[in-house]
C-alpha atoms as a PDB file:
ATOM      1  CA  MET A   1     -12.173   3.200 -24.430  1.00  0.00           C
ATOM      2  CA  ASN A   2     -15.375   1.372 -23.438  1.00  0.00           C
ATOM      3  CA  ARG A   3     -14.248   1.257 -19.792  1.00  0.00           C
ATOM      4  CA  ILE A   4     -14.144   5.039 -19.346  1.00  0.00           C
ATOM      5  CA  SER A   5     -17.574   5.408 -20.971  1.00  0.00           C
ATOM      6  CA  ASN A   6     -19.071   2.844 -18.601  1.00  0.00           C
ATOM      7  CA  ASN A   7     -17.325   4.468 -15.635  1.00  0.00           C
ATOM      8  CA  ILE A   8     -18.658   7.945 -16.445  1.00  0.00           C
ATOM      9  CA  LYS A   9     -22.199   6.611 -16.761  1.00  0.00           C
ATOM     10  CA  HIS A  10     -21.919   4.594 -13.561  1.00  0.00           C
ATOM     11  CA  LEU A  11     -20.480   7.466 -11.491  1.00  0.00           C
ATOM     12  CA  ARG A  12     -23.138   9.826 -12.793  1.00  0.00           C
ATOM     13  CA  LYS A  13     -25.906   7.434 -11.761  1.00  0.00           C
ATOM     14  CA  LEU A  14     -24.327   6.913  -8.325  1.00  0.00           C
ATOM     15  CA  LYS A  15     -24.738  10.635  -7.765  1.00  0.00           C
ATOM     16  CA  GLY A  16     -28.310  10.507  -9.035  1.00  0.00           C
ATOM     17  CA  LEU A  17     -27.583  12.972 -11.851  1.00  0.00           C
ATOM     18  CA  SER A  18     -29.077  13.246 -15.315  1.00  0.00           C
ATOM     19  CA  GLN A  19     -26.778  13.787 -18.274  1.00  0.00           C
ATOM     20  CA  GLU A  20     -28.026  17.356 -18.471  1.00  0.00           C
ATOM     21  CA  VAL A  21     -27.209  18.129 -14.822  1.00  0.00           C
ATOM     22  CA  LEU A  22     -23.734  16.592 -15.085  1.00  0.00           C
ATOM     23  CA  ALA A  23     -23.095  18.564 -18.276  1.00  0.00           C
ATOM     24  CA  ASP A  24     -24.086  21.781 -16.479  1.00  0.00           C
ATOM     25  CA  GLU A  25     -21.787  20.928 -13.570  1.00  0.00           C
ATOM     26  CA  LEU A  26     -18.861  20.417 -15.954  1.00  0.00           C
ATOM     27  CA  GLY A  27     -19.734  23.365 -18.207  1.00  0.00           C
ATOM     28  CA  VAL A  28     -20.242  21.360 -21.404  1.00  0.00           C
ATOM     29  CA  PRO A  29     -23.252  20.549 -23.653  1.00  0.00           C
ATOM     30  CA  ARG A  30     -25.339  17.517 -22.719  1.00  0.00           C
ATOM     31  CA  SER A  31     -24.452  15.956 -26.054  1.00  0.00           C
ATOM     32  CA  ARG A  32     -20.809  15.731 -24.913  1.00  0.00           C
ATOM     33  CA  ILE A  33     -21.751  13.597 -21.917  1.00  0.00           C
ATOM     34  CA  SER A  34     -24.011  11.452 -24.075  1.00  0.00           C
ATOM     35  CA  SER A  35     -21.205  10.980 -26.571  1.00  0.00           C
ATOM     36  CA  TYR A  36     -18.774   9.838 -23.865  1.00  0.00           C
ATOM     37  CA  GLU A  37     -21.230   7.430 -22.247  1.00  0.00           C
ATOM     38  CA  GLU A  38     -22.243   5.877 -25.571  1.00  0.00           C
ATOM     39  CA  ASN A  39     -18.561   5.478 -26.511  1.00  0.00           C
ATOM     40  CA  ARG A  40     -18.953   7.632 -29.625  1.00  0.00           C
ATOM     41  CA  SER A  41     -16.034   9.807 -28.524  1.00  0.00           C
ATOM     42  CA  SER A  42     -13.312   9.775 -25.878  1.00  0.00           C
ATOM     43  CA  PRO A  43     -12.910  12.559 -23.314  1.00  0.00           C
ATOM     44  CA  PRO A  44      -9.723  14.563 -23.984  1.00  0.00           C
ATOM     45  CA  GLY A  45      -7.152  15.265 -21.302  1.00  0.00           C
ATOM     46  CA  GLU A  46      -8.813  18.485 -20.151  1.00  0.00           C
ATOM     47  CA  MET A  47     -12.149  16.717 -19.697  1.00  0.00           C
ATOM     48  CA  LEU A  48     -10.521  13.825 -17.837  1.00  0.00           C
ATOM     49  CA  ILE A  49      -9.135  16.363 -15.379  1.00  0.00           C
ATOM     50  CA  LYS A  50     -12.618  17.860 -14.934  1.00  0.00           C
ATOM     51  CA  LEU A  51     -14.159  14.428 -14.388  1.00  0.00           C
ATOM     52  CA  SER A  52     -11.416  13.504 -11.938  1.00  0.00           C
ATOM     53  CA  ASP A  53     -11.895  16.706  -9.945  1.00  0.00           C
ATOM     54  CA  TYR A  54     -15.681  16.447  -9.968  1.00  0.00           C
ATOM     55  CA  PHE A  55     -15.940  12.810  -8.873  1.00  0.00           C
ATOM     56  CA  LYS A  56     -12.780  13.101  -6.705  1.00  0.00           C
ATOM     57  CA  ILE A  57     -11.290  10.000  -8.301  1.00  0.00           C
ATOM     58  CA  PRO A  58      -7.732   9.815  -9.733  1.00  0.00           C
ATOM     59  CA  ILE A  59      -7.533   9.799 -13.542  1.00  0.00           C
ATOM     60  CA  ASP A  60      -5.648   6.492 -13.677  1.00  0.00           C
ATOM     61  CA  ILE A  61      -8.450   4.776 -11.738  1.00  0.00           C
ATOM     62  CA  LEU A  62     -11.041   6.288 -14.081  1.00  0.00           C
ATOM     63  CA  LEU A  63      -9.145   4.870 -17.054  1.00  0.00           C
ATOM     64  CA  LYS A  64      -7.811   1.532 -15.791  1.00  0.00           C
ATOM     65  CA  ASN A  65     -10.457   0.125 -13.461  1.00  0.00           C
ATOM     66  CA  ASP A  66     -13.989  -1.131 -13.893  1.00  0.00           C
ATOM     67  CA  LEU A  67     -15.836   1.061 -11.402  1.00  0.00           C
ATOM     68  CA  THR A  68     -19.200  -0.477 -12.246  1.00  0.00           C
ATOM     69  CA  LYS A  69     -18.428  -3.260  -9.757  1.00  0.00           C
ATOM     70  CA  GLY A  70     -18.698  -0.837  -6.861  1.00  0.00           C
ATOM     71  CA  ASN A  71     -21.377   1.290  -5.266  1.00  0.00           C
ATOM     72  CA  ASP A  72     -20.987   4.633  -3.538  1.00  0.00           C
ATOM     73  CA  ALA A  73     -19.816   2.888  -0.359  1.00  0.00           C
ATOM     74  CA  SER A  74     -16.987   1.301  -2.360  1.00  0.00           C
ATOM     75  CA  PHE A  75     -14.939   4.494  -2.228  1.00  0.00           C
ATOM     76  CA  ILE A  76     -13.024   5.983   0.678  1.00  0.00           C
ATOM     77  CA  GLU A  77     -11.797   9.532   1.136  1.00  0.00           C
ATOM     78  CA  LEU A  78      -8.000   9.911   1.023  1.00  0.00           C
ATOM     79  CA  GLY A  79      -7.153  13.582   1.278  1.00  0.00           C
ATOM     80  CA  ASN A  80      -9.272  15.336  -1.331  1.00  0.00           C
ATOM     81  CA  GLN A  81      -9.723  12.266  -3.523  1.00  0.00           C
ATOM     82  CA  ARG A  82     -11.746   9.082  -3.350  1.00  0.00           C
ATOM     83  CA  VAL A  83     -10.103   5.725  -3.984  1.00  0.00           C
ATOM     84  CA  LEU A  84     -11.879   2.553  -5.085  1.00  0.00           C
ATOM     85  CA  PHE A  85     -12.193   0.308  -2.050  1.00  0.00           C
ATOM     86  CA  PRO A  86     -14.815  -2.297  -2.953  1.00  0.00           C
ATOM     87  CA  ILE A  87     -16.624  -4.494  -0.463  1.00  0.00           C
ATOM     88  CA  LEU A  88     -16.666  -7.686  -2.491  1.00  0.00           C
ATOM     89  CA  VAL A  89     -19.536 -10.170  -2.402  1.00  0.00           C
ATOM     90  CA  ASP A  90     -19.946 -13.724  -3.666  1.00  0.00           C
ATOM     91  CA  ASN A  91     -22.840 -15.255  -5.613  1.00  0.00           C
ATOM     92  CA  ASP A  92     -24.887 -15.471  -2.397  1.00  0.00           C
ATOM     93  CA  ASN A  93     -24.332 -11.738  -1.768  1.00  0.00           C
ATOM     94  CA  ASP A  94     -22.122 -12.512   1.267  1.00  0.00           C
ATOM     95  CA  ASP A  95     -19.139 -10.258   1.952  1.00  0.00           C
ATOM     96  CA  LEU A  96     -15.685 -11.529   1.015  1.00  0.00           C
ATOM     97  CA  ILE A  97     -12.466 -10.410   2.662  1.00  0.00           C
ATOM     98  CA  GLU A  98      -8.991 -10.295   1.140  1.00  0.00           C
ATOM     99  CA  ILE A  99      -6.115 -12.177   2.750  1.00  0.00           C
ATOM    100  CA  VAL A 100      -2.667 -10.597   2.658  1.00  0.00           C
ATOM    101  CA  PRO A 101      -0.339 -13.640   2.609  1.00  0.00           C
ATOM    102  CA  SER A 102       3.089 -13.533   4.212  1.00  0.00           C
ATOM    103  CA  THR A 103       4.657 -13.683   0.749  1.00  0.00           C
ATOM    104  CA  ALA A 104       2.855 -10.472  -0.265  1.00  0.00           C
ATOM    105  CA  LYS A 105       3.325  -8.680   3.053  1.00  0.00           C
ATOM    106  CA  ALA A 106       6.424  -6.767   1.960  1.00  0.00           C
ATOM    107  CA  GLY A 107       4.689  -5.362  -1.110  1.00  0.00           C
ATOM    108  CA  TYR A 108       1.534  -4.263   0.676  1.00  0.00           C
ATOM    109  CA  THR A 109       2.837  -0.784   1.562  1.00  0.00           C
ATOM    110  CA  THR A 110       3.227   0.001  -2.146  1.00  0.00           C
ATOM    111  CA  GLY A 111       0.167  -1.858  -3.399  1.00  0.00           C
ATOM    112  CA  TYR A 112      -2.368  -1.098  -0.657  1.00  0.00           C
ATOM    113  CA  ASP A 113      -4.086   1.610  -2.748  1.00  0.00           C
ATOM    114  CA  ASP A 114      -3.740  -0.186  -6.099  1.00  0.00           C
ATOM    115  CA  PRO A 115      -7.044  -1.924  -6.995  1.00  0.00           C
ATOM    116  CA  GLU A 116      -5.218  -4.333  -9.324  1.00  0.00           C
ATOM    117  CA  TYR A 117      -2.891  -5.441  -6.493  1.00  0.00           C
ATOM    118  CA  ILE A 118      -5.808  -5.891  -4.081  1.00  0.00           C
ATOM    119  CA  GLU A 119      -7.881  -7.725  -6.692  1.00  0.00           C
ATOM    120  CA  GLN A 120      -5.285 -10.498  -7.033  1.00  0.00           C
ATOM    121  CA  LEU A 121      -5.291 -11.294  -3.295  1.00  0.00           C
ATOM    122  CA  GLN A 122      -7.011 -14.496  -2.186  1.00  0.00           C
ATOM    123  CA  LYS A 123     -10.456 -14.067  -0.640  1.00  0.00           C
ATOM    124  CA  ILE A 124     -12.490 -15.918   1.979  1.00  0.00           C
ATOM    125  CA  LYS A 125     -16.000 -15.620   3.434  1.00  0.00           C
ATOM    126  CA  LEU A 126     -16.523 -15.022   7.144  1.00  0.00           C
ATOM    127  CA  PRO A 127     -20.298 -14.552   7.516  1.00  0.00           C
ATOM    128  CA  PHE A 128     -20.109 -13.642  11.218  1.00  0.00           C
ATOM    129  CA  LEU A 129     -18.223 -10.370  10.638  1.00  0.00           C
ATOM    130  CA  PRO A 130     -19.921  -7.056  11.470  1.00  0.00           C
ATOM    131  CA  THR A 131     -20.632  -4.487   8.777  1.00  0.00           C
ATOM    132  CA  GLY A 132     -17.679  -2.685   7.217  1.00  0.00           C
ATOM    133  CA  LYS A 133     -14.682  -3.408   5.018  1.00  0.00           C
ATOM    134  CA  HIS A 134     -12.484  -6.204   6.412  1.00  0.00           C
ATOM    135  CA  ARG A 135      -9.094  -7.618   5.499  1.00  0.00           C
ATOM    136  CA  ALA A 136      -6.874 -10.348   7.006  1.00  0.00           C
ATOM    137  CA  PHE A 137      -3.210  -9.672   7.794  1.00  0.00           C
ATOM    138  CA  PRO A 138      -0.422 -12.147   8.661  1.00  0.00           C
ATOM    139  CA  ILE A 139       1.203 -11.863  12.087  1.00  0.00           C
ATOM    140  CA  GLU A 140       4.854 -12.682  12.692  1.00  0.00           C
ATOM    141  CA  GLY A 141       6.759 -13.053  15.953  1.00  0.00           C
ATOM    142  CA  ASP A 142       5.604 -13.114  19.572  1.00  0.00           C
ATOM    143  CA  SER A 143       5.126  -9.425  20.390  1.00  0.00           C
ATOM    144  CA  MET A 144       1.350  -9.789  20.783  1.00  0.00           C
ATOM    145  CA  LEU A 145       1.022 -13.002  22.785  1.00  0.00           C
ATOM    146  CA  PRO A 146      -1.159 -15.002  23.010  1.00  0.00           C
ATOM    147  CA  VAL A 147      -1.520 -14.317  19.247  1.00  0.00           C
ATOM    148  CA  LYS A 148       0.885 -16.822  17.756  1.00  0.00           C
ATOM    149  CA  ASP A 149       3.357 -16.463  14.921  1.00  0.00           C
ATOM    150  CA  GLY A 150       1.606 -17.412  11.678  1.00  0.00           C
ATOM    151  CA  SER A 151      -1.840 -16.260  12.798  1.00  0.00           C
ATOM    152  CA  PHE A 152      -4.006 -13.821  10.862  1.00  0.00           C
ATOM    153  CA  ILE A 153      -5.697 -10.772  12.340  1.00  0.00           C
ATOM    154  CA  VAL A 154      -8.937  -9.780  10.623  1.00  0.00           C
ATOM    155  CA  GLY A 155      -9.475  -6.039  10.896  1.00  0.00           C
ATOM    156  CA  ARG A 156     -12.210  -3.569   9.973  1.00  0.00           C
ATOM    157  CA  PHE A 157     -10.973  -0.607   7.962  1.00  0.00           C
ATOM    158  CA  LEU A 158     -10.972   2.592  10.010  1.00  0.00           C
ATOM    159  CA  GLU A 159     -11.605   5.553   7.753  1.00  0.00           C
ATOM    160  CA  ASP A 160     -11.440   8.202  10.493  1.00  0.00           C
ATOM    161  CA  ILE A 161      -8.217   8.022  12.499  1.00  0.00           C
ATOM    162  CA  ASN A 162      -9.876   9.967  15.307  1.00  0.00           C
ATOM    163  CA  GLU A 163     -12.043   6.895  16.033  1.00  0.00           C
ATOM    164  CA  ILE A 164      -9.027   5.089  17.529  1.00  0.00           C
ATOM    165  CA  LYS A 165      -9.708   4.098  21.136  1.00  0.00           C
ATOM    166  CA  SER A 166      -6.796   3.836  23.562  1.00  0.00           C
ATOM    167  CA  GLY A 167      -6.243   0.316  24.846  1.00  0.00           C
ATOM    168  CA  LYS A 168      -7.716  -1.393  21.762  1.00  0.00           C
ATOM    169  CA  THR A 169      -5.645  -3.340  19.239  1.00  0.00           C
ATOM    170  CA  TYR A 170      -5.209  -2.403  15.584  1.00  0.00           C
ATOM    171  CA  VAL A 171      -3.299  -3.460  12.494  1.00  0.00           C
ATOM    172  CA  ILE A 172      -1.296  -0.363  11.552  1.00  0.00           C
ATOM    173  CA  ILE A 173       0.218   0.069   8.080  1.00  0.00           C
ATOM    174  CA  THR A 174       3.142   2.511   8.236  1.00  0.00           C
ATOM    175  CA  LEU A 175       5.644   3.879   5.761  1.00  0.00           C
ATOM    176  CA  ASN A 176       8.683   2.624   7.691  1.00  0.00           C
ATOM    177  CA  ASP A 177       7.522  -0.491   9.563  1.00  0.00           C
ATOM    178  CA  GLY A 178       5.036  -1.962   7.098  1.00  0.00           C
ATOM    179  CA  ILE A 179       2.339  -4.103   8.728  1.00  0.00           C
ATOM    180  CA  VAL A 180       2.312  -4.173  12.546  1.00  0.00           C
ATOM    181  CA  TYR A 181      -0.308  -5.372  15.014  1.00  0.00           C
ATOM    182  CA  LYS A 182      -0.220  -3.442  18.309  1.00  0.00           C
ATOM    183  CA  ARG A 183      -2.205  -2.134  21.215  1.00  0.00           C
ATOM    184  CA  VAL A 184      -2.636   1.594  20.687  1.00  0.00           C
ATOM    185  CA  VAL A 185      -2.677   4.691  22.870  1.00  0.00           C
ATOM    186  CA  ASN A 186      -4.243   7.635  21.059  1.00  0.00           C
ATOM    187  CA  ASN A 187      -1.959  10.656  21.516  1.00  0.00           C
ATOM    188  CA  ILE A 188      -3.246  12.593  18.512  1.00  0.00           C
ATOM    189  CA  LYS A 189      -4.370  15.550  20.615  1.00  0.00           C
ATOM    190  CA  VAL A 190      -1.070  15.553  22.523  1.00  0.00           C
ATOM    191  CA  ASP A 191       1.587  15.352  19.807  1.00  0.00           C
ATOM    192  CA  ASN A 192      -0.209  14.029  16.700  1.00  0.00           C
ATOM    193  CA  SER A 193       1.045  10.496  17.234  1.00  0.00           C
ATOM    194  CA  LEU A 194       0.005   7.000  18.259  1.00  0.00           C
ATOM    195  CA  LEU A 195       1.853   5.049  20.944  1.00  0.00           C
ATOM    196  CA  LEU A 196       2.181   1.415  19.833  1.00  0.00           C
ATOM    197  CA  GLN A 197       2.484  -1.165  22.594  1.00  0.00           C
ATOM    198  CA  SER A 198       3.214  -4.893  22.560  1.00  0.00           C
ATOM    199  CA  ASP A 199       1.345  -7.204  24.928  1.00  0.00           C
ATOM    200  CA  ASN A 200       4.632  -9.057  25.331  1.00  0.00           C
ATOM    201  CA  LYS A 201       6.423  -6.550  27.566  1.00  0.00           C
ATOM    202  CA  PHE A 202       9.803  -7.796  26.352  1.00  0.00           C
ATOM    203  CA  TYR A 203       9.277  -5.350  23.471  1.00  0.00           C
ATOM    204  CA  GLN A 204       9.484  -1.604  24.028  1.00  0.00           C
ATOM    205  CA  ASP A 205       6.691   0.826  23.237  1.00  0.00           C
ATOM    206  CA  TYR A 206       7.251   3.313  20.420  1.00  0.00           C
ATOM    207  CA  SER A 207       5.434   6.229  18.838  1.00  0.00           C
ATOM    208  CA  VAL A 208       4.431   6.762  15.225  1.00  0.00           C
ATOM    209  CA  GLN A 209       3.504  10.140  13.775  1.00  0.00           C
ATOM    210  CA  ILE A 210       0.128  10.314  12.045  1.00  0.00           C
ATOM    211  CA  GLU A 211       1.667  11.369   8.718  1.00  0.00           C
ATOM    212  CA  GLU A 212       3.608   8.059   8.615  1.00  0.00           C
ATOM    213  CA  ILE A 213       0.421   5.981   8.792  1.00  0.00           C
ATOM    214  CA  LEU A 214      -1.071   4.618   5.560  1.00  0.00           C
ATOM    215  CA  GLU A 215      -3.984   2.553   6.907  1.00  0.00           C
ATOM    216  CA  ILE A 216      -5.528   1.468  10.201  1.00  0.00           C
ATOM    217  CA  TRP A 217      -7.612  -1.698  10.699  1.00  0.00           C
ATOM    218  CA  GLU A 218      -9.489  -2.256  13.950  1.00  0.00           C
ATOM    219  CA  PHE A 219      -9.279  -5.793  15.402  1.00  0.00           C
ATOM    220  CA  THR A 220     -12.319  -7.944  14.604  1.00  0.00           C
ATOM    221  CA  CYS A 221     -11.087 -11.499  15.110  1.00  0.00           C
ATOM    222  CA  ASN A 222      -8.006 -13.704  15.186  1.00  0.00           C
ATOM    223  CA  ILE A 223      -7.546 -16.716  12.884  1.00  0.00           C
ATOM    224  CA  ASN A 224      -5.060 -18.989  14.612  1.00  0.00           C
ATOM    225  CA  THR A 225      -3.325 -21.522  12.373  1.00  0.00           C
ATOM    226  CA  GLN A 226      -1.700 -23.505  15.193  1.00  0.00           C
ATOM    227  CA  GLU A 227      -3.041 -25.292  18.245  1.00  0.00           C
ATOM    228  CA  TYR A 228      -2.127 -23.956  21.681  1.00  0.00           C
ATOM    229  CA  THR A 229      -0.306 -26.223  24.096  1.00  0.00           C
ATOM    230  CA  GLU A 230      -1.469 -26.496  27.711  1.00  0.00           C
ATOM    231  CA  ASP A 231       1.613 -24.587  28.919  1.00  0.00           C
ATOM    232  CA  GLU A 232       1.005 -21.791  26.419  1.00  0.00           C
ATOM    233  CA  LEU A 233      -2.570 -21.387  27.617  1.00  0.00           C
ATOM    234  CA  LYS A 234      -1.410 -21.141  31.236  1.00  0.00           C
ATOM    235  CA  ILE A 235       1.247 -18.557  30.377  1.00  0.00           C
ATOM    236  CA  SER A 236      -1.250 -16.629  28.284  1.00  0.00           C
ATOM    237  CA  SER A 237      -3.766 -16.515  31.145  1.00  0.00           C
ATOM    238  CA  ILE A 238      -1.130 -15.232  33.556  1.00  0.00           C
ATOM    239  CA  ALA A 239       0.069 -12.611  31.044  1.00  0.00           C
ATOM    240  CA  ASN A 240      -3.481 -11.416  30.435  1.00  0.00           C
ATOM    241  CA  MET A 241      -4.088 -11.145  34.163  1.00  0.00           C
ATOM    242  CA  PHE A 242      -1.025  -8.948  34.635  1.00  0.00           C
ATOM    243  CA  ASN A 243      -1.875  -6.844  31.575  1.00  0.00           C
ATOM    244  CA  GLN A 244      -5.392  -6.290  32.887  1.00  0.00           C
ATOM    245  CA  LEU A 245      -4.011  -5.437  36.313  1.00  0.00           C
ATOM    246  CA  GLY A 246      -1.762  -2.843  34.688  1.00  0.00           C
ATOM    247  CA  VAL A 247      -4.725  -1.220  32.939  1.00  0.00           C
ATOM    248  CA  GLU A 248      -6.737  -1.103  36.165  1.00  0.00           C
ATOM    249  CA  LEU A 249      -3.816   0.475  38.058  1.00  0.00           C
ATOM    250  CA  GLU A 250      -3.408   3.085  35.319  1.00  0.00           C
ATOM    251  CA  GLU A 251      -7.106   3.948  35.506  1.00  0.00           C
ATOM    252  CA  PHE A 252      -6.850   4.205  39.302  1.00  0.00           C
ATOM    253  CA  LYS A 253      -3.891   6.592  39.023  1.00  0.00           C
ATOM    254  CA  ASN A 254      -5.743   8.778  36.513  1.00  0.00           C
ATOM    255  CA  LYS A 255      -8.780   8.975  38.765  1.00  0.00           C
ATOM    256  CA  ALA A 256      -6.570   9.838  41.731  1.00  0.00           C
ATOM    257  CA  LYS A 257      -5.045  12.721  39.779  1.00  0.00           C
ATOM    258  CA  ILE A 258      -8.484  14.066  38.909  1.00  0.00           C
ATOM    259  CA  ASN A 259      -9.640  13.879  42.532  1.00  0.00           C
END
C-alpha cells in the first residue's frame, strides 16, 4: 500500500497543506494522516472516499497510479473530478508528446482517460511546440487535403470547450466517430453543438452535440510521412485559394447583414 501513502503525501504538499490542516479538513486526528503517509496503516474505504472527494481524484487513480510523477498542472478538470494528465519530460527537462498509432486508434475512445493506456504510448520530443499538453493523432483518408493519409496531427489539449474558434481545425474525439480531424464552426450558443467541416468539399458537413465529445485538441502542427508530388501541390494551392475565397465571401455576407 506504499503507493497510496506516497500519493496522499504528494497531493497534500501540492496543496501546500500541513498534516494538521489536512486532518482538520477531513475531520480526523493529525496522527491518522501521519500514519497513512508513513505507511503504518492503510486508509479504509470511508477515508478513501473522503480523500477522493477532497482532492477531486477518482479512488482507482489514487490506488493504482503513481501521482508523484505529476505536479498540480498534471491534472485536468472533468466534471467535478480531476484526472491525471501528466506533461511528460525527458532527462533534459524537455516536454514529450504521446503518439497515438493507427493500430491503437480504435481503442483510444476507451483508453483516453486511463493513465496506464496513455503511459504505454510511444513518445517523441518536439522542442518547438508552444506551452501546453500535446499529443499526436493519426490521420486517415483525404477529407482534410492537403493533409495526406498517414500523416499525424499534433494538437494542444483544449480544456475549455468554449475556447473553440470557428474556422480553426481541431482533432475531435467523439463517442460515435472516434478520432476525427476537422475544421470547426462553434455553434455552442446556438444549439450546443459543433459543426464539423472537411476541407475536401466532397465530404458533407455534420454536427456533433457537445455531450458526445470526449476530448478536443487544437491544431499545432502536421507531421507528414509522405512527400508531396508536384501535381498534389498545385491542386492543394488551388483548393486553398477556393477555401479562402469561401471564407472571405462568408465574412462579406455577415457584414452586409449587420449593415
